[in-house]
């Protein structure tokens, strides 16, 4: 079993099918800490990707690039920009490949994480989706079983939320609220967890 465009297509459809309630939740969370538009960006982004999914090319890298372009059309939250950046990072590495070994996924995610940090200015420990991604990479490294990797990713995302919940946000508009963000979940971290949930139940 390998990671293919069909895997990507299935992931998109699984998330898009639950995007409405997730978008509502993320808008509410983001409204407490930011502009309140993360959910709109999430919903519009995955609606765009769902429309692109049937025609994605078999070349996995090109499919990721098409998805990145779809995400760049989403205005609003920086979430859309960071998602596009992560997809472009994966596209550069996998262009020309139709099948990717699952054991390569941690490296692809690490490249995405590095690209997002370089573009967005956040660092690990700032209480953002990057902290969730770093935890997921550590949890799935060394595995090549997609089911086990998904379970480990879900637990890692949960653990990251628990770890950072009682810490203040240090990046974006949320940093203005300082210690008032203690006890609150970062909306981007919640978005990562919800995407994993969709994949687990899709």
N, C-alpha and C. Protein backbone atom coordinates (compact mmCIF):
# COMPACT_ATOMS: atom_id res chain seq x y z
N UNK A 1 0.84 -1.19 0.00
CA UNK A 1 0.00 0.00 0.00
C UNK A 1 0.88 1.25 0.00
N UNK A 2 0.54 2.19 -0.87
CA UNK A 2 1.34 3.40 -0.99
C UNK A 2 0.43 4.64 -0.98
N UNK A 3 1.06 5.77 -0.78
CA UNK A 3 0.36 7.06 -0.81
C UNK A 3 0.26 7.51 -2.26
N UNK A 4 -0.95 7.73 -2.75
CA UNK A 4 -1.20 8.08 -4.14
C UNK A 4 -2.16 9.26 -4.23
N UNK A 5 -2.40 9.70 -5.45
CA UNK A 5 -3.39 10.75 -5.65
C UNK A 5 -4.77 10.30 -5.17
N UNK A 6 -5.06 9.01 -5.30
CA UNK A 6 -6.34 8.51 -4.81
C UNK A 6 -6.42 8.67 -3.29
N UNK A 7 -5.31 8.48 -2.60
CA UNK A 7 -5.27 8.71 -1.15
C UNK A 7 -5.58 10.17 -0.84
N UNK A 8 -4.97 11.07 -1.61
CA UNK A 8 -5.20 12.50 -1.43
C UNK A 8 -6.65 12.86 -1.71
N UNK A 9 -7.18 12.27 -2.77
CA UNK A 9 -8.58 12.52 -3.14
C UNK A 9 -9.52 12.07 -2.03
N UNK A 10 -9.26 10.89 -1.48
CA UNK A 10 -10.10 10.37 -0.40
C UNK A 10 -10.02 11.27 0.84
N UNK A 11 -8.82 11.75 1.15
CA UNK A 11 -8.65 12.63 2.31
C UNK A 11 -9.44 13.92 2.13
N UNK A 12 -9.37 14.50 0.94
CA UNK A 12 -10.11 15.74 0.66
C UNK A 12 -11.60 15.53 0.84
N UNK A 13 -12.11 14.46 0.27
CA UNK A 13 -13.56 14.22 0.34
C UNK A 13 -14.01 13.93 1.77
N UNK A 14 -13.18 13.23 2.53
CA UNK A 14 -13.53 12.92 3.92
C UNK A 14 -13.63 14.19 4.75
N UNK A 15 -12.70 15.12 4.53
CA UNK A 15 -12.71 16.38 5.28
C UNK A 15 -13.82 17.30 4.78
N UNK A 16 -13.97 17.38 3.46
CA UNK A 16 -15.00 18.26 2.89
C UNK A 16 -16.40 17.86 3.35
N UNK A 17 -16.62 16.56 3.56
CA UNK A 17 -17.94 16.08 3.98
C UNK A 17 -18.31 16.58 5.37
N UNK A 18 -17.32 16.92 6.19
CA UNK A 18 -17.57 17.40 7.56
C UNK A 18 -17.19 18.87 7.73
N UNK A 19 -16.92 19.55 6.63
CA UNK A 19 -16.39 20.91 6.71
C UNK A 19 -17.37 21.91 7.31
N UNK A 20 -18.67 21.73 7.11
CA UNK A 20 -19.65 22.70 7.63
C UNK A 20 -19.61 22.80 9.16
N UNK A 21 -19.80 21.69 9.89
CA UNK A 21 -19.76 21.81 11.36
C UNK A 21 -18.37 22.19 11.88
N UNK A 22 -17.32 21.74 11.21
CA UNK A 22 -15.98 22.12 11.63
C UNK A 22 -15.78 23.61 11.44
N UNK A 23 -16.25 24.13 10.30
CA UNK A 23 -16.13 25.56 10.04
C UNK A 23 -16.83 26.39 11.10
N UNK A 24 -18.00 25.96 11.52
CA UNK A 24 -18.74 26.67 12.56
C UNK A 24 -17.96 26.69 13.87
N UNK A 25 -17.42 25.53 14.24
CA UNK A 25 -16.62 25.43 15.47
C UNK A 25 -15.39 26.33 15.40
N UNK A 26 -14.69 26.30 14.27
CA UNK A 26 -13.46 27.08 14.14
C UNK A 26 -13.73 28.57 14.12
N UNK A 27 -14.84 28.99 13.51
CA UNK A 27 -15.19 30.41 13.54
C UNK A 27 -15.42 30.89 14.96
N UNK A 28 -16.09 30.04 15.75
CA UNK A 28 -16.37 30.40 17.15
C UNK A 28 -15.07 30.50 17.95
N UNK A 29 -14.20 29.52 17.79
CA UNK A 29 -12.92 29.54 18.50
C UNK A 29 -12.07 30.73 18.06
N UNK A 30 -12.01 30.96 16.77
CA UNK A 30 -11.19 32.05 16.24
C UNK A 30 -11.74 33.41 16.61
N UNK A 31 -13.05 33.47 16.82
CA UNK A 31 -13.66 34.72 17.22
C UNK A 31 -13.21 35.19 18.60
N UNK A 32 -12.77 34.24 19.43
CA UNK A 32 -12.28 34.59 20.76
C UNK A 32 -10.84 35.08 20.74
N UNK A 33 -10.09 34.66 19.72
CA UNK A 33 -8.66 34.93 19.71
C UNK A 33 -8.18 35.71 18.48
N UNK A 34 -8.98 35.75 17.45
CA UNK A 34 -8.52 36.36 16.21
C UNK A 34 -9.62 37.06 15.47
N UNK A 35 -9.62 36.89 14.15
CA UNK A 35 -10.58 37.60 13.30
C UNK A 35 -11.90 36.86 13.14
N UNK A 36 -11.96 35.63 13.61
CA UNK A 36 -13.19 34.87 13.49
C UNK A 36 -13.48 34.36 12.10
N UNK A 37 -12.41 34.23 11.28
CA UNK A 37 -12.63 33.81 9.90
C UNK A 37 -11.95 32.49 9.54
N UNK A 38 -11.37 31.83 10.52
CA UNK A 38 -10.68 30.58 10.22
C UNK A 38 -11.66 29.54 9.66
N UNK A 39 -12.84 29.46 10.26
CA UNK A 39 -13.81 28.48 9.79
C UNK A 39 -14.25 28.74 8.36
N UNK A 40 -14.40 30.00 8.00
CA UNK A 40 -14.78 30.35 6.62
C UNK A 40 -13.68 29.91 5.66
N UNK A 41 -12.44 30.18 6.04
CA UNK A 41 -11.31 29.78 5.20
C UNK A 41 -11.25 28.26 5.07
N UNK A 42 -11.45 27.57 6.18
CA UNK A 42 -11.44 26.10 6.18
C UNK A 42 -12.52 25.57 5.24
N UNK A 43 -13.72 26.08 5.38
CA UNK A 43 -14.84 25.60 4.57
C UNK A 43 -14.62 25.91 3.10
N UNK A 44 -14.27 27.14 2.79
CA UNK A 44 -14.07 27.51 1.40
C UNK A 44 -12.90 26.74 0.78
N UNK A 45 -11.85 26.56 1.58
CA UNK A 45 -10.69 25.85 1.08
C UNK A 45 -11.01 24.42 0.70
N UNK A 46 -11.70 23.71 1.57
CA UNK A 46 -12.00 22.31 1.27
C UNK A 46 -13.13 22.16 0.25
N UNK A 47 -14.00 23.14 0.15
CA UNK A 47 -14.96 23.13 -0.94
C UNK A 47 -14.24 23.28 -2.28
N UNK A 48 -13.24 24.16 -2.32
CA UNK A 48 -12.43 24.31 -3.53
C UNK A 48 -11.72 23.01 -3.88
N UNK A 49 -11.10 22.40 -2.87
CA UNK A 49 -10.36 21.17 -3.12
C UNK A 49 -11.28 20.04 -3.55
N UNK A 50 -12.48 19.99 -2.98
CA UNK A 50 -13.43 18.97 -3.37
C UNK A 50 -13.81 19.09 -4.84
N UNK A 51 -13.92 20.33 -5.31
CA UNK A 51 -14.22 20.55 -6.71
C UNK A 51 -13.09 20.13 -7.63
N UNK A 52 -11.85 20.26 -7.14
CA UNK A 52 -10.68 19.89 -7.93
C UNK A 52 -10.39 18.39 -7.89
N UNK A 53 -10.81 17.73 -6.82
CA UNK A 53 -10.38 16.35 -6.55
C UNK A 53 -10.59 15.37 -7.70
N UNK A 54 -11.75 15.36 -8.36
CA UNK A 54 -11.95 14.35 -9.42
C UNK A 54 -10.96 14.43 -10.56
N UNK A 55 -10.45 15.62 -10.84
CA UNK A 55 -9.55 15.81 -11.99
C UNK A 55 -8.08 15.89 -11.61
N UNK A 56 -7.74 15.60 -10.37
CA UNK A 56 -6.33 15.66 -9.96
C UNK A 56 -5.51 14.64 -10.75
N UNK A 57 -4.30 15.03 -11.19
CA UNK A 57 -3.46 14.11 -11.97
C UNK A 57 -2.90 12.98 -11.13
N UNK A 58 -2.51 11.90 -11.80
CA UNK A 58 -1.93 10.76 -11.09
C UNK A 58 -0.57 11.10 -10.49
N UNK A 59 0.15 12.01 -11.10
CA UNK A 59 1.42 12.48 -10.54
C UNK A 59 1.12 13.14 -9.20
N UNK A 60 1.61 12.52 -8.12
CA UNK A 60 1.26 12.99 -6.77
C UNK A 60 1.73 14.42 -6.54
N UNK A 61 2.92 14.72 -7.00
CA UNK A 61 3.45 16.07 -6.81
C UNK A 61 2.60 17.11 -7.54
N UNK A 62 2.20 16.80 -8.77
CA UNK A 62 1.37 17.72 -9.52
C UNK A 62 -0.01 17.86 -8.87
N UNK A 63 -0.51 16.77 -8.30
CA UNK A 63 -1.80 16.82 -7.60
C UNK A 63 -1.70 17.74 -6.39
N UNK A 64 -0.60 17.65 -5.66
CA UNK A 64 -0.40 18.54 -4.51
C UNK A 64 -0.31 19.99 -4.95
N UNK A 65 0.35 20.24 -6.08
CA UNK A 65 0.46 21.60 -6.58
C UNK A 65 -0.90 22.15 -7.00
N UNK A 66 -1.72 21.33 -7.62
CA UNK A 66 -3.07 21.77 -7.98
C UNK A 66 -3.87 22.12 -6.73
N UNK A 67 -3.70 21.32 -5.67
CA UNK A 67 -4.40 21.59 -4.42
C UNK A 67 -3.88 22.89 -3.79
N UNK A 68 -2.58 23.11 -3.88
CA UNK A 68 -2.01 24.34 -3.36
C UNK A 68 -2.60 25.55 -4.06
N UNK A 69 -2.74 25.46 -5.36
CA UNK A 69 -3.34 26.56 -6.13
C UNK A 69 -4.79 26.79 -5.71
N UNK A 70 -5.48 25.68 -5.42
CA UNK A 70 -6.87 25.80 -4.96
C UNK A 70 -6.95 26.51 -3.62
N UNK A 71 -5.99 26.25 -2.76
CA UNK A 71 -5.97 26.89 -1.45
C UNK A 71 -5.60 28.37 -1.53
N UNK A 72 -4.76 28.73 -2.50
CA UNK A 72 -4.36 30.14 -2.61
C UNK A 72 -5.51 31.04 -3.03
N UNK A 73 -6.57 30.45 -3.53
CA UNK A 73 -7.74 31.24 -3.94
C UNK A 73 -8.63 31.58 -2.76
N UNK A 74 -8.31 31.03 -1.59
CA UNK A 74 -9.12 31.27 -0.40
C UNK A 74 -8.59 32.51 0.31
N UNK A 75 -9.46 33.46 0.52
CA UNK A 75 -9.06 34.67 1.24
C UNK A 75 -9.35 34.51 2.72
N UNK A 76 -8.80 35.43 3.53
CA UNK A 76 -9.12 35.41 4.95
C UNK A 76 -7.96 34.92 5.79
N UNK A 77 -8.19 33.89 6.57
CA UNK A 77 -7.23 33.41 7.56
C UNK A 77 -5.90 33.00 6.94
N UNK A 78 -4.84 33.14 7.71
CA UNK A 78 -3.52 32.67 7.28
C UNK A 78 -3.49 31.16 7.14
N UNK A 79 -4.49 30.48 7.68
CA UNK A 79 -4.57 29.02 7.57
C UNK A 79 -4.50 28.59 6.11
N UNK A 80 -5.23 29.28 5.24
CA UNK A 80 -5.23 28.93 3.82
C UNK A 80 -3.85 29.08 3.21
N UNK A 81 -3.15 30.14 3.57
CA UNK A 81 -1.80 30.37 3.06
C UNK A 81 -0.85 29.28 3.53
N UNK A 82 -0.93 28.93 4.81
CA UNK A 82 -0.04 27.91 5.35
C UNK A 82 -0.33 26.54 4.75
N UNK A 83 -1.60 26.24 4.51
CA UNK A 83 -1.95 24.98 3.86
C UNK A 83 -1.37 24.94 2.45
N UNK A 84 -1.47 26.04 1.73
CA UNK A 84 -0.92 26.10 0.37
C UNK A 84 0.59 25.91 0.39
N UNK A 85 1.26 26.56 1.33
CA UNK A 85 2.71 26.44 1.45
C UNK A 85 3.12 25.00 1.72
N UNK A 86 2.38 24.32 2.60
CA UNK A 86 2.70 22.94 2.93
C UNK A 86 2.51 22.02 1.72
N UNK A 87 1.46 22.27 0.95
CA UNK A 87 1.21 21.46 -0.24
C UNK A 87 2.27 21.70 -1.31
N UNK A 88 2.71 22.95 -1.44
CA UNK A 88 3.76 23.25 -2.41
C UNK A 88 5.07 22.58 -2.03
N UNK A 89 5.35 22.52 -0.73
CA UNK A 89 6.57 21.84 -0.27
C UNK A 89 6.52 20.36 -0.63
N UNK A 90 5.37 19.74 -0.42
CA UNK A 90 5.22 18.32 -0.78
C UNK A 90 5.31 18.13 -2.29
N UNK A 91 4.76 19.09 -3.04
CA UNK A 91 4.77 19.00 -4.50
C UNK A 91 6.19 19.01 -5.05
N UNK A 92 7.03 19.86 -4.49
CA UNK A 92 8.41 19.97 -4.97
C UNK A 92 9.17 18.66 -4.80
N UNK A 93 8.89 17.96 -3.71
CA UNK A 93 9.62 16.73 -3.40
C UNK A 93 9.10 15.54 -4.20
N UNK A 94 7.82 15.51 -4.49
CA UNK A 94 7.20 14.31 -5.07
C UNK A 94 6.81 14.46 -6.53
N UNK A 95 7.16 15.58 -7.16
CA UNK A 95 6.82 15.76 -8.57
C UNK A 95 7.42 14.63 -9.40
N UNK A 96 6.59 14.06 -10.28
CA UNK A 96 7.03 12.96 -11.13
C UNK A 96 6.81 11.59 -10.53
N UNK A 97 6.27 11.53 -9.31
CA UNK A 97 6.04 10.24 -8.65
C UNK A 97 4.54 9.97 -8.54
N UNK A 98 4.17 8.76 -8.88
CA UNK A 98 2.77 8.35 -8.77
C UNK A 98 2.47 7.66 -7.44
N UNK A 99 3.50 7.09 -6.83
CA UNK A 99 3.33 6.34 -5.59
C UNK A 99 4.43 6.72 -4.60
N UNK A 100 4.01 7.00 -3.38
CA UNK A 100 4.94 7.40 -2.32
C UNK A 100 4.84 6.40 -1.18
N UNK A 101 5.97 5.88 -0.74
CA UNK A 101 5.95 4.98 0.42
C UNK A 101 5.45 5.75 1.65
N UNK A 102 4.60 5.10 2.42
CA UNK A 102 4.07 5.76 3.62
C UNK A 102 5.18 6.15 4.58
N UNK A 103 6.29 5.42 4.55
CA UNK A 103 7.40 5.75 5.45
C UNK A 103 8.01 7.12 5.13
N UNK A 104 7.71 7.66 3.93
CA UNK A 104 8.22 8.97 3.55
C UNK A 104 7.37 10.12 4.10
N UNK A 105 6.18 9.80 4.60
CA UNK A 105 5.26 10.85 5.04
C UNK A 105 5.86 11.76 6.11
N UNK A 106 6.54 11.24 7.14
CA UNK A 106 7.13 12.15 8.13
C UNK A 106 8.08 13.17 7.51
N UNK A 107 8.87 12.75 6.53
CA UNK A 107 9.80 13.69 5.89
C UNK A 107 9.05 14.74 5.08
N UNK A 108 7.97 14.33 4.42
CA UNK A 108 7.15 15.29 3.67
C UNK A 108 6.53 16.32 4.61
N UNK A 109 6.04 15.83 5.75
CA UNK A 109 5.44 16.75 6.72
C UNK A 109 6.49 17.66 7.34
N UNK A 110 7.70 17.15 7.52
CA UNK A 110 8.77 17.99 8.06
C UNK A 110 9.13 19.10 7.08
N UNK A 111 9.16 18.78 5.80
CA UNK A 111 9.43 19.80 4.79
C UNK A 111 8.32 20.85 4.79
N UNK A 112 7.08 20.39 4.95
CA UNK A 112 5.96 21.33 5.03
C UNK A 112 6.09 22.22 6.26
N UNK A 113 6.45 21.61 7.39
CA UNK A 113 6.62 22.36 8.63
C UNK A 113 7.71 23.41 8.49
N UNK A 114 8.82 23.02 7.91
CA UNK A 114 9.94 23.96 7.72
C UNK A 114 9.52 25.13 6.82
N UNK A 115 8.78 24.82 5.77
CA UNK A 115 8.33 25.86 4.84
C UNK A 115 7.36 26.82 5.52
N UNK A 116 6.47 26.29 6.34
CA UNK A 116 5.50 27.13 7.03
C UNK A 116 6.18 28.04 8.06
N UNK A 117 7.17 27.50 8.76
CA UNK A 117 7.89 28.33 9.73
C UNK A 117 8.66 29.44 9.03
N UNK A 118 9.27 29.11 7.88
CA UNK A 118 10.03 30.12 7.14
C UNK A 118 9.13 31.23 6.62
N UNK A 119 7.92 30.90 6.23
CA UNK A 119 7.01 31.89 5.66
C UNK A 119 6.21 32.64 6.72
N UNK A 120 5.73 31.90 7.71
CA UNK A 120 4.80 32.50 8.66
C UNK A 120 5.42 33.21 9.84
N UNK A 121 6.68 32.93 10.14
CA UNK A 121 7.35 33.62 11.23
C UNK A 121 7.15 32.99 12.60
N UNK A 122 6.30 31.96 12.69
CA UNK A 122 6.09 31.29 13.97
C UNK A 122 7.19 30.27 14.21
N UNK A 123 7.43 29.96 15.47
CA UNK A 123 8.38 28.93 15.84
C UNK A 123 7.68 27.92 16.73
N UNK A 124 8.30 26.77 16.91
CA UNK A 124 7.71 25.76 17.78
C UNK A 124 7.66 26.30 19.20
N UNK A 125 6.55 26.05 19.86
CA UNK A 125 6.33 26.56 21.20
C UNK A 125 5.46 27.80 21.24
N UNK A 126 5.09 28.32 20.07
CA UNK A 126 4.25 29.52 20.02
C UNK A 126 2.76 29.21 20.18
N UNK A 127 2.42 27.94 20.32
CA UNK A 127 1.02 27.51 20.45
C UNK A 127 0.27 27.78 19.15
N UNK A 128 0.71 27.05 18.11
CA UNK A 128 0.06 27.14 16.80
C UNK A 128 -0.07 25.74 16.22
N UNK A 129 -0.67 25.66 15.03
CA UNK A 129 -0.80 24.38 14.34
C UNK A 129 0.55 23.74 14.06
N UNK A 130 1.62 24.54 14.04
CA UNK A 130 2.95 23.99 13.82
C UNK A 130 3.35 23.06 14.96
N UNK A 131 2.93 23.37 16.18
CA UNK A 131 3.23 22.50 17.32
C UNK A 131 2.51 21.17 17.19
N UNK A 132 1.28 21.20 16.68
CA UNK A 132 0.55 19.95 16.43
C UNK A 132 1.27 19.13 15.37
N UNK A 133 1.69 19.80 14.30
CA UNK A 133 2.35 19.09 13.21
C UNK A 133 3.66 18.46 13.67
N UNK A 134 4.42 19.19 14.48
CA UNK A 134 5.69 18.65 15.00
C UNK A 134 5.44 17.41 15.85
N UNK A 135 4.39 17.44 16.66
CA UNK A 135 4.06 16.28 17.50
C UNK A 135 3.65 15.10 16.64
N UNK A 136 2.92 15.35 15.59
CA UNK A 136 2.47 14.29 14.69
C UNK A 136 3.66 13.65 13.98
N UNK A 137 4.58 14.48 13.50
CA UNK A 137 5.77 13.96 12.81
C UNK A 137 6.54 13.02 13.73
N UNK A 138 6.75 13.43 14.96
CA UNK A 138 7.49 12.60 15.92
C UNK A 138 6.76 11.29 16.18
N UNK A 139 5.42 11.35 16.22
CA UNK A 139 4.64 10.16 16.56
C UNK A 139 4.60 9.13 15.45
N UNK A 140 4.68 9.57 14.19
CA UNK A 140 4.54 8.62 13.09
C UNK A 140 5.87 8.20 12.47
N UNK A 141 6.95 8.85 12.87
CA UNK A 141 8.25 8.52 12.27
C UNK A 141 8.63 7.08 12.60
N UNK A 142 9.11 6.39 11.58
CA UNK A 142 9.53 5.01 11.75
C UNK A 142 8.45 4.00 11.41
N UNK A 143 7.23 4.48 11.09
CA UNK A 143 6.14 3.58 10.75
C UNK A 143 5.87 3.62 9.25
N UNK A 144 5.32 2.53 8.72
CA UNK A 144 4.89 2.50 7.33
C UNK A 144 3.49 1.92 7.19
N UNK A 145 2.79 1.85 8.31
CA UNK A 145 1.41 1.34 8.35
C UNK A 145 0.47 2.53 8.45
N UNK A 146 -0.30 2.82 7.39
CA UNK A 146 -1.14 4.03 7.41
C UNK A 146 -2.18 4.05 8.53
N UNK A 147 -2.73 2.89 8.87
CA UNK A 147 -3.73 2.86 9.95
C UNK A 147 -3.07 3.19 11.29
N UNK A 148 -1.91 2.61 11.54
CA UNK A 148 -1.20 2.89 12.79
C UNK A 148 -0.74 4.35 12.83
N UNK A 149 -0.31 4.86 11.69
CA UNK A 149 0.13 6.25 11.62
C UNK A 149 -1.03 7.21 11.91
N UNK A 150 -2.20 6.90 11.38
CA UNK A 150 -3.36 7.75 11.60
C UNK A 150 -3.75 7.76 13.07
N UNK A 151 -3.73 6.58 13.70
CA UNK A 151 -4.06 6.50 15.12
C UNK A 151 -3.04 7.27 15.96
N UNK A 152 -1.77 7.13 15.62
CA UNK A 152 -0.71 7.83 16.35
C UNK A 152 -0.82 9.34 16.15
N UNK A 153 -1.18 9.75 14.93
CA UNK A 153 -1.33 11.17 14.64
C UNK A 153 -2.47 11.78 15.45
N UNK A 154 -3.57 11.04 15.55
CA UNK A 154 -4.71 11.53 16.33
C UNK A 154 -4.36 11.71 17.79
N UNK A 155 -3.64 10.74 18.35
CA UNK A 155 -3.24 10.85 19.75
C UNK A 155 -2.25 11.99 19.95
N UNK A 156 -1.34 12.15 19.00
CA UNK A 156 -0.36 13.24 19.10
C UNK A 156 -1.03 14.60 19.04
N UNK A 157 -2.03 14.73 18.17
CA UNK A 157 -2.76 16.00 18.07
C UNK A 157 -3.52 16.30 19.35
N UNK A 158 -4.11 15.26 19.94
CA UNK A 158 -4.79 15.42 21.24
C UNK A 158 -3.81 15.86 22.32
N UNK A 159 -2.68 15.18 22.36
CA UNK A 159 -1.67 15.49 23.38
C UNK A 159 -1.14 16.91 23.22
N UNK A 160 -0.97 17.35 21.97
CA UNK A 160 -0.47 18.70 21.74
C UNK A 160 -1.47 19.73 22.26
N UNK A 161 -2.75 19.50 22.01
CA UNK A 161 -3.78 20.41 22.53
C UNK A 161 -3.73 20.47 24.05
N UNK A 162 -3.59 19.32 24.68
CA UNK A 162 -3.52 19.27 26.15
C UNK A 162 -2.28 20.00 26.66
N UNK A 163 -1.15 19.78 26.00
CA UNK A 163 0.11 20.39 26.43
C UNK A 163 0.06 21.91 26.35
N UNK A 164 -0.52 22.43 25.28
CA UNK A 164 -0.47 23.88 25.04
C UNK A 164 -1.68 24.64 25.55
N UNK A 165 -2.71 23.92 25.99
CA UNK A 165 -3.94 24.60 26.43
C UNK A 165 -3.68 25.59 27.55
N UNK A 166 -2.84 25.25 28.48
CA UNK A 166 -2.59 26.12 29.63
C UNK A 166 -1.40 27.05 29.45
N UNK A 167 -1.01 27.25 28.19
CA UNK A 167 0.05 28.20 27.86
C UNK A 167 -0.54 29.35 27.04
N UNK A 168 0.08 30.52 27.07
CA UNK A 168 -0.45 31.65 26.29
C UNK A 168 -0.08 31.54 24.82
N UNK A 169 -0.92 32.13 23.97
CA UNK A 169 -0.61 32.23 22.55
C UNK A 169 0.46 33.30 22.34
N UNK A 170 1.40 33.03 21.45
CA UNK A 170 2.52 33.95 21.26
C UNK A 170 2.63 34.50 19.85
N UNK A 171 1.67 34.19 18.98
CA UNK A 171 1.78 34.61 17.59
C UNK A 171 0.42 35.07 17.08
N UNK A 172 0.43 35.92 16.07
CA UNK A 172 -0.82 36.38 15.47
C UNK A 172 -1.57 37.34 16.38
N UNK A 173 -2.81 37.60 16.01
CA UNK A 173 -3.62 38.52 16.79
C UNK A 173 -3.84 38.02 18.21
N UNK A 174 -3.85 36.69 18.38
CA UNK A 174 -4.12 36.11 19.70
C UNK A 174 -3.10 36.55 20.74
N UNK A 175 -1.87 36.86 20.30
CA UNK A 175 -0.84 37.23 21.27
C UNK A 175 -1.20 38.51 22.02
N UNK A 176 -2.07 39.33 21.44
CA UNK A 176 -2.49 40.58 22.08
C UNK A 176 -3.19 40.29 23.40
N UNK A 177 -3.87 39.14 23.46
CA UNK A 177 -4.65 38.80 24.65
C UNK A 177 -3.80 38.19 25.76
N UNK A 178 -2.55 37.86 25.44
CA UNK A 178 -1.61 37.39 26.44
C UNK A 178 -2.12 36.26 27.32
N UNK A 179 -2.05 36.47 28.63
CA UNK A 179 -2.42 35.42 29.57
C UNK A 179 -3.90 35.07 29.54
N UNK A 180 -4.71 35.89 28.91
CA UNK A 180 -6.13 35.56 28.80
C UNK A 180 -6.36 34.38 27.86
N UNK A 181 -5.33 34.03 27.06
CA UNK A 181 -5.46 32.87 26.17
C UNK A 181 -5.13 31.56 26.88
N UNK A 182 -4.63 31.66 28.11
CA UNK A 182 -4.36 30.45 28.90
C UNK A 182 -5.69 29.73 29.16
N UNK A 183 -5.70 28.44 28.93
CA UNK A 183 -6.92 27.65 29.09
C UNK A 183 -7.76 27.56 27.83
N UNK A 184 -7.34 28.23 26.76
CA UNK A 184 -8.06 28.22 25.50
C UNK A 184 -7.26 27.45 24.46
N UNK A 185 -7.95 26.71 23.61
CA UNK A 185 -7.28 25.98 22.54
C UNK A 185 -7.01 26.91 21.36
N UNK A 186 -5.84 26.74 20.75
CA UNK A 186 -5.54 27.47 19.54
C UNK A 186 -6.40 26.93 18.40
N UNK A 187 -7.10 27.79 17.67
CA UNK A 187 -8.00 27.31 16.60
C UNK A 187 -7.28 26.50 15.52
N UNK A 188 -6.05 26.89 15.17
CA UNK A 188 -5.32 26.15 14.15
C UNK A 188 -4.99 24.74 14.61
N UNK A 189 -4.66 24.58 15.88
CA UNK A 189 -4.38 23.26 16.43
C UNK A 189 -5.65 22.41 16.42
N UNK A 190 -6.78 23.03 16.70
CA UNK A 190 -8.05 22.31 16.65
C UNK A 190 -8.35 21.89 15.21
N UNK A 191 -8.06 22.76 14.25
CA UNK A 191 -8.29 22.43 12.84
C UNK A 191 -7.50 21.18 12.44
N UNK A 192 -6.26 21.10 12.89
CA UNK A 192 -5.44 19.92 12.59
C UNK A 192 -6.08 18.67 13.17
N UNK A 193 -6.51 18.76 14.41
CA UNK A 193 -7.14 17.60 15.06
C UNK A 193 -8.42 17.19 14.34
N UNK A 194 -9.23 18.15 13.94
CA UNK A 194 -10.48 17.82 13.25
C UNK A 194 -10.22 17.16 11.89
N UNK A 195 -9.18 17.59 11.20
CA UNK A 195 -8.86 16.96 9.92
C UNK A 195 -8.48 15.50 10.13
N UNK A 196 -7.70 15.23 11.17
CA UNK A 196 -7.33 13.86 11.47
C UNK A 196 -8.56 13.04 11.84
N UNK A 197 -9.46 13.63 12.63
CA UNK A 197 -10.71 12.95 12.99
C UNK A 197 -11.49 12.54 11.74
N UNK A 198 -11.56 13.46 10.77
CA UNK A 198 -12.28 13.16 9.53
C UNK A 198 -11.66 11.99 8.78
N UNK A 199 -10.33 11.95 8.74
CA UNK A 199 -9.64 10.86 8.06
C UNK A 199 -9.89 9.54 8.79
N UNK A 200 -9.95 9.60 10.11
CA UNK A 200 -10.15 8.38 10.90
C UNK A 200 -11.55 7.80 10.72
N UNK A 201 -12.50 8.66 10.43
CA UNK A 201 -13.88 8.21 10.31
C UNK A 201 -14.44 8.33 8.90
N UNK A 202 -13.57 8.69 7.95
CA UNK A 202 -14.02 8.89 6.58
C UNK A 202 -14.06 7.59 5.78
